């Protein structure tokens, strides 16, 4: 299969911006949020209502993690969002979200542009079984990618996230602009349904290398991606990372 060269980094940047501007609240969003774009030493003001005309009743710290989202206005449920044109969406007033802290001691309305999905609580895997660690890592990779495609978070291929999943050489390739297909879906255009993400049943681990199979369909066509992982000795923590990906007729690196 032949693909035309495509620079994925620009598309990923647009996806990231879209996730901040028009994140949807339909019951399937991220479990947690974090404060972003607030300088260290400052804080994000939490207002009594959705707007700066309402009094400030509390603050969330710069880069505060684990925030819970109650709701946002304008309300953009999935069916509402899909019926609006791009011009109608752009004409909406800036979104405000009712947030509360992880310990439930603080709550208030904040500008949505200052919050982003928080995946930090999922970055560290404590399970001692390396095969389970690898399986969970690949599952998180696809979950985060799915959330980003729905406008609910950043892509795991963005520079600030890629090293949480891949070794440095793959990260460099992803951001080189030389990829001819999406590394997770083996395509430039995709409408994907994930069927199963599991360790290879015949040889889940061999000499430190872990094999994870991802079975999915893209536009109804069954495919399999095979991920190879191992402890990354270039990292101080030697965390498990993806060092090779194979698709039908295509591999990285």
Protein backbone atom coordinates (compact mmCIF):
# COMPACT_ATOMS: atom_id res chain seq x y z
CA UNK A 1 0.00 0.00 0.00
CA UNK A 2 1.38 3.40 -0.97
CA UNK A 3 0.82 6.59 0.97
CA UNK A 4 1.49 10.16 -0.03
CA UNK A 5 3.89 11.91 2.37
CA UNK A 6 2.08 13.82 5.07
CA UNK A 7 3.41 16.08 7.80
CA UNK A 8 1.59 14.93 10.90
CA UNK A 9 3.00 17.49 13.31
CA UNK A 10 0.92 20.36 11.89
CA UNK A 11 -2.26 18.31 12.10
CA UNK A 12 -1.42 17.35 15.67
CA UNK A 13 -0.93 20.97 16.64
CA UNK A 14 -4.35 21.87 15.21
CA UNK A 15 -5.90 18.93 17.05
CA UNK A 16 -4.37 20.11 20.31
CA UNK A 17 -5.70 23.65 19.85
CA UNK A 18 -9.15 22.34 18.98
CA UNK A 19 -9.24 20.24 22.14
CA UNK A 20 -8.70 23.32 24.31
CA UNK A 21 -11.20 25.52 22.48
CA UNK A 22 -14.08 23.09 21.95
CA UNK A 23 -13.79 20.20 24.38
CA UNK A 24 -17.16 18.45 24.58
CA UNK A 25 -18.94 17.33 27.71
CA UNK A 26 -21.02 14.24 26.97
CA UNK A 27 -20.19 11.86 29.78
CA UNK A 28 -17.21 10.24 28.08
CA UNK A 29 -14.52 12.85 28.60
CA UNK A 30 -11.27 12.68 30.57
CA UNK A 31 -11.38 11.57 34.20
CA UNK A 32 -9.29 14.55 35.32
CA UNK A 33 -8.15 17.98 34.16
CA UNK A 34 -5.22 20.24 34.92
CA UNK A 35 -4.54 23.97 34.88
CA UNK A 36 -2.43 25.10 31.93
CA UNK A 37 -0.90 28.31 30.53
CA UNK A 38 -0.72 29.97 33.96
CA UNK A 39 2.72 31.25 34.92
CA UNK A 40 4.39 29.64 37.91
CA UNK A 41 3.61 31.64 41.04
CA UNK A 42 0.27 32.81 39.69
CA UNK A 43 -3.12 31.11 39.99
CA UNK A 44 -6.27 30.53 37.95
CA UNK A 45 -9.21 32.51 39.29
CA UNK A 46 -12.37 30.56 40.09
CA UNK A 47 -15.51 32.68 39.74
CA UNK A 48 -18.99 32.39 41.26
CA UNK A 49 -20.50 32.12 37.78
CA UNK A 50 -19.45 31.65 34.13
CA UNK A 51 -17.86 35.02 33.43
CA UNK A 52 -15.43 37.60 34.74
CA UNK A 53 -18.31 39.78 35.96
CA UNK A 54 -18.92 37.24 38.71
CA UNK A 55 -16.89 37.56 41.93
CA UNK A 56 -13.73 35.49 42.38
CA UNK A 57 -14.40 32.93 45.10
CA UNK A 58 -11.24 30.79 44.96
CA UNK A 59 -8.12 29.94 42.97
CA UNK A 60 -6.54 26.88 41.37
CA UNK A 61 -2.75 26.72 41.42
CA UNK A 62 -0.68 26.91 38.24
CA UNK A 63 -0.39 23.39 36.79
CA UNK A 64 -2.77 22.01 39.44
CA UNK A 65 -3.73 18.43 38.59
CA UNK A 66 -6.71 16.17 39.19
CA UNK A 67 -9.47 18.75 38.72
CA UNK A 68 -12.99 17.41 38.18
CA UNK A 69 -15.22 18.99 35.56
CA UNK A 70 -18.90 19.39 36.47
CA UNK A 71 -20.17 21.09 33.30
CA UNK A 72 -19.35 23.79 30.76
CA UNK A 73 -21.26 26.56 28.98
CA UNK A 74 -22.14 26.96 26.19
CA UNK A 75 -23.30 23.36 26.48
CA UNK A 76 -21.89 21.33 23.58
CA UNK A 77 -23.25 17.82 23.83
CA UNK A 78 -22.22 15.57 20.97
CA UNK A 79 -25.46 15.89 19.00
CA UNK A 80 -25.53 19.67 19.43
CA UNK A 81 -21.90 20.07 18.41
CA UNK A 82 -22.38 17.98 15.26
CA UNK A 83 -25.27 20.15 14.05
CA UNK A 84 -23.34 23.42 14.24
CA UNK A 85 -21.24 24.72 11.37
CA UNK A 86 -17.67 25.89 11.89
CA UNK A 87 -18.80 29.51 11.63
CA UNK A 88 -21.54 28.93 14.22
CA UNK A 89 -19.07 27.30 16.58
CA UNK A 90 -16.61 30.16 16.17
CA UNK A 91 -19.38 32.68 16.89
CA UNK A 92 -20.15 31.15 20.28
CA UNK A 93 -18.88 33.04 23.34
CA UNK A 94 -15.78 31.69 25.11
CA UNK A 95 -16.52 28.57 27.13
CA UNK A 96 -16.49 28.53 30.91
CA UNK A 97 -16.37 25.36 32.98
CA UNK A 98 -17.42 24.61 36.53
CA UNK A 99 -14.45 22.83 38.11
CA UNK A 100 -13.67 21.42 41.53
CA UNK A 101 -10.38 20.38 43.07
CA UNK A 102 -9.33 16.77 43.51
CA UNK A 103 -9.97 16.95 47.26
CA UNK A 104 -13.34 18.70 46.69
CA UNK A 105 -12.33 21.65 48.90
CA UNK A 106 -12.45 24.22 46.08
CA UNK A 107 -14.89 24.87 43.25
CA UNK A 108 -15.69 27.62 40.79
CA UNK A 109 -16.10 28.63 37.16
CA UNK A 110 -12.93 29.04 35.07
CA UNK A 111 -12.17 29.90 31.46
CA UNK A 112 -11.90 26.65 29.54
CA UNK A 113 -8.81 27.81 27.67
CA UNK A 114 -6.86 27.43 30.91
CA UNK A 115 -7.66 23.74 31.45
CA UNK A 116 -6.58 20.64 29.57
CA UNK A 117 -7.08 16.88 30.09
CA UNK A 118 -4.81 15.52 32.82
CA UNK A 119 -3.26 12.16 32.03
CA UNK A 120 -0.45 12.50 34.55
CA UNK A 121 -2.15 10.25 37.08
CA UNK A 122 -1.97 7.45 34.51
CA UNK A 123 1.65 7.90 33.48
CA UNK A 124 3.21 5.85 36.24
CA UNK A 125 2.41 2.15 36.24
CA UNK A 126 3.00 0.36 39.51
CA UNK A 127 2.10 -3.18 38.47
CA UNK A 128 5.22 -5.32 38.85
CA UNK A 129 4.41 -7.55 35.87
CA UNK A 130 6.17 -6.01 32.83
CA UNK A 131 3.73 -7.61 30.37
CA UNK A 132 0.82 -6.00 32.20
CA UNK A 133 2.70 -2.70 32.27
CA UNK A 134 3.26 -2.87 28.51
CA UNK A 135 -0.36 -3.79 27.81
CA UNK A 136 -1.64 -0.90 29.93
CA UNK A 137 0.76 1.50 28.22
CA UNK A 138 -0.49 0.61 24.74
CA UNK A 139 -4.12 0.76 25.89
CA UNK A 140 -3.53 4.25 27.30
CA UNK A 141 -1.86 5.25 24.04
CA UNK A 142 -4.95 4.34 22.02
CA UNK A 143 -7.36 5.77 24.59
CA UNK A 144 -5.53 9.10 24.57
CA UNK A 145 -5.46 9.11 20.77
CA UNK A 146 -9.20 8.43 20.67
CA UNK A 147 -9.92 11.25 23.13
CA UNK A 148 -7.84 13.63 21.01
CA UNK A 149 -9.66 12.65 17.82
CA UNK A 150 -12.93 13.57 19.55
CA UNK A 151 -11.56 16.97 20.57
CA UNK A 152 -11.25 16.08 24.25
CA UNK A 153 -7.52 16.22 24.79
CA UNK A 154 -4.06 16.34 23.32
CA UNK A 155 -2.72 13.69 20.98
CA UNK A 156 -0.18 11.29 22.51
CA UNK A 157 1.99 12.07 19.48
CA UNK A 158 2.42 15.68 20.55
CA UNK A 159 5.96 16.52 21.76
CA UNK A 160 4.90 16.90 25.39
CA UNK A 161 3.39 13.40 25.49
CA UNK A 162 5.22 11.19 22.97
CA UNK A 163 8.12 10.34 25.28
CA UNK A 164 5.62 8.89 27.78
CA UNK A 165 5.02 6.09 25.27
CA UNK A 166 7.92 5.81 22.82
CA UNK A 167 11.70 5.61 22.82
CA UNK A 168 13.57 8.72 21.73
CA UNK A 169 14.25 7.51 18.18
CA UNK A 170 10.54 6.98 17.50
CA UNK A 171 9.71 10.36 19.04
CA UNK A 172 12.20 11.98 16.67
CA UNK A 173 10.69 10.17 13.67
CA UNK A 174 7.15 11.17 14.63
CA UNK A 175 8.13 14.83 14.71
CA UNK A 176 10.41 14.73 11.69
CA UNK A 177 7.55 15.28 9.24
CA UNK A 178 8.64 12.22 7.26
CA UNK A 179 5.94 9.74 8.27
CA UNK A 180 3.70 8.55 5.46
CA UNK A 181 0.92 7.23 7.72
CA UNK A 182 -0.36 7.51 11.26
CA UNK A 183 1.81 5.22 13.41
CA UNK A 184 -1.19 3.80 15.29
CA UNK A 185 -3.59 3.29 12.38
CA UNK A 186 -1.38 2.83 9.30
CA UNK A 187 -3.41 5.40 7.36
CA UNK A 188 -3.75 9.10 6.68
CA UNK A 189 -7.53 9.00 7.08
CA UNK A 190 -9.13 6.78 9.66
CA UNK A 191 -12.42 5.84 11.25
CA UNK A 192 -11.26 3.25 13.72
CA UNK A 193 -12.88 0.73 16.02
CA UNK A 194 -10.52 -0.99 18.46
CA UNK A 195 -11.38 -4.63 19.05
CA UNK A 196 -8.63 -5.90 21.32
CA UNK A 197 -5.32 -4.83 22.84
CA UNK A 198 -3.56 -7.81 24.41
CA UNK A 199 -0.14 -9.36 24.84
CA UNK A 200 0.80 -11.89 22.18
CA UNK A 201 -0.63 -15.22 23.40
CA UNK A 202 2.22 -17.35 22.03
CA UNK A 203 5.18 -15.25 23.13
CA UNK A 204 4.19 -12.28 25.30
CA UNK A 205 7.77 -11.74 26.45
CA UNK A 206 11.08 -13.06 25.18
CA UNK A 207 14.50 -11.94 26.38
CA UNK A 208 13.10 -8.69 27.74
CA UNK A 209 11.07 -7.82 24.63
CA UNK A 210 7.29 -7.62 25.10
CA UNK A 211 4.88 -8.03 22.18
CA UNK A 212 1.44 -6.40 22.24
CA UNK A 213 -1.11 -6.99 19.47
CA UNK A 214 -3.73 -4.36 18.63
CA UNK A 215 -6.64 -5.62 16.54
CA UNK A 216 -8.77 -2.89 15.01
CA UNK A 217 -10.80 -2.04 11.94
CA UNK A 218 -10.41 1.10 9.86
CA UNK A 219 -13.42 1.94 7.70
CA UNK A 220 -14.54 -1.64 8.32
CA UNK A 221 -11.28 -3.27 7.20
CA UNK A 222 -9.69 -5.55 9.82
CA UNK A 223 -6.07 -4.75 10.65
CA UNK A 224 -3.46 -5.56 13.26
CA UNK A 225 -0.69 -3.40 14.68
CA UNK A 226 2.09 -5.12 16.61
CA UNK A 227 3.96 -3.15 19.26
CA UNK A 228 7.32 -4.18 20.67
CA UNK A 229 8.32 -2.80 24.05
CA UNK A 230 11.21 -3.10 26.49
CA UNK A 231 12.82 -1.21 29.33
CA UNK A 232 14.34 1.96 27.93
CA UNK A 233 17.86 1.97 29.36
CA UNK A 234 18.43 5.49 28.02
CA UNK A 235 16.03 6.73 30.70
CA UNK A 236 17.04 7.04 34.32
CA UNK A 237 13.95 5.13 35.43
CA UNK A 238 14.36 2.48 32.67
CA UNK A 239 10.60 2.68 32.09
CA UNK A 240 8.97 0.42 29.52
CA UNK A 241 8.58 2.15 26.17
CA UNK A 242 7.58 1.24 22.61
CA UNK A 243 10.66 0.83 20.41
CA UNK A 244 9.15 -0.74 17.27
CA UNK A 245 5.74 -0.87 15.54
CA UNK A 246 4.69 -3.18 12.71
CA UNK A 247 1.71 -2.85 10.39
CA UNK A 248 0.87 -4.82 7.27
CA UNK A 249 3.62 -3.77 4.86
CA UNK A 250 4.87 -0.90 7.03
CA UNK A 251 6.94 -0.55 10.18
CA UNK A 252 8.46 2.09 12.43
CA UNK A 253 11.37 2.52 12.67
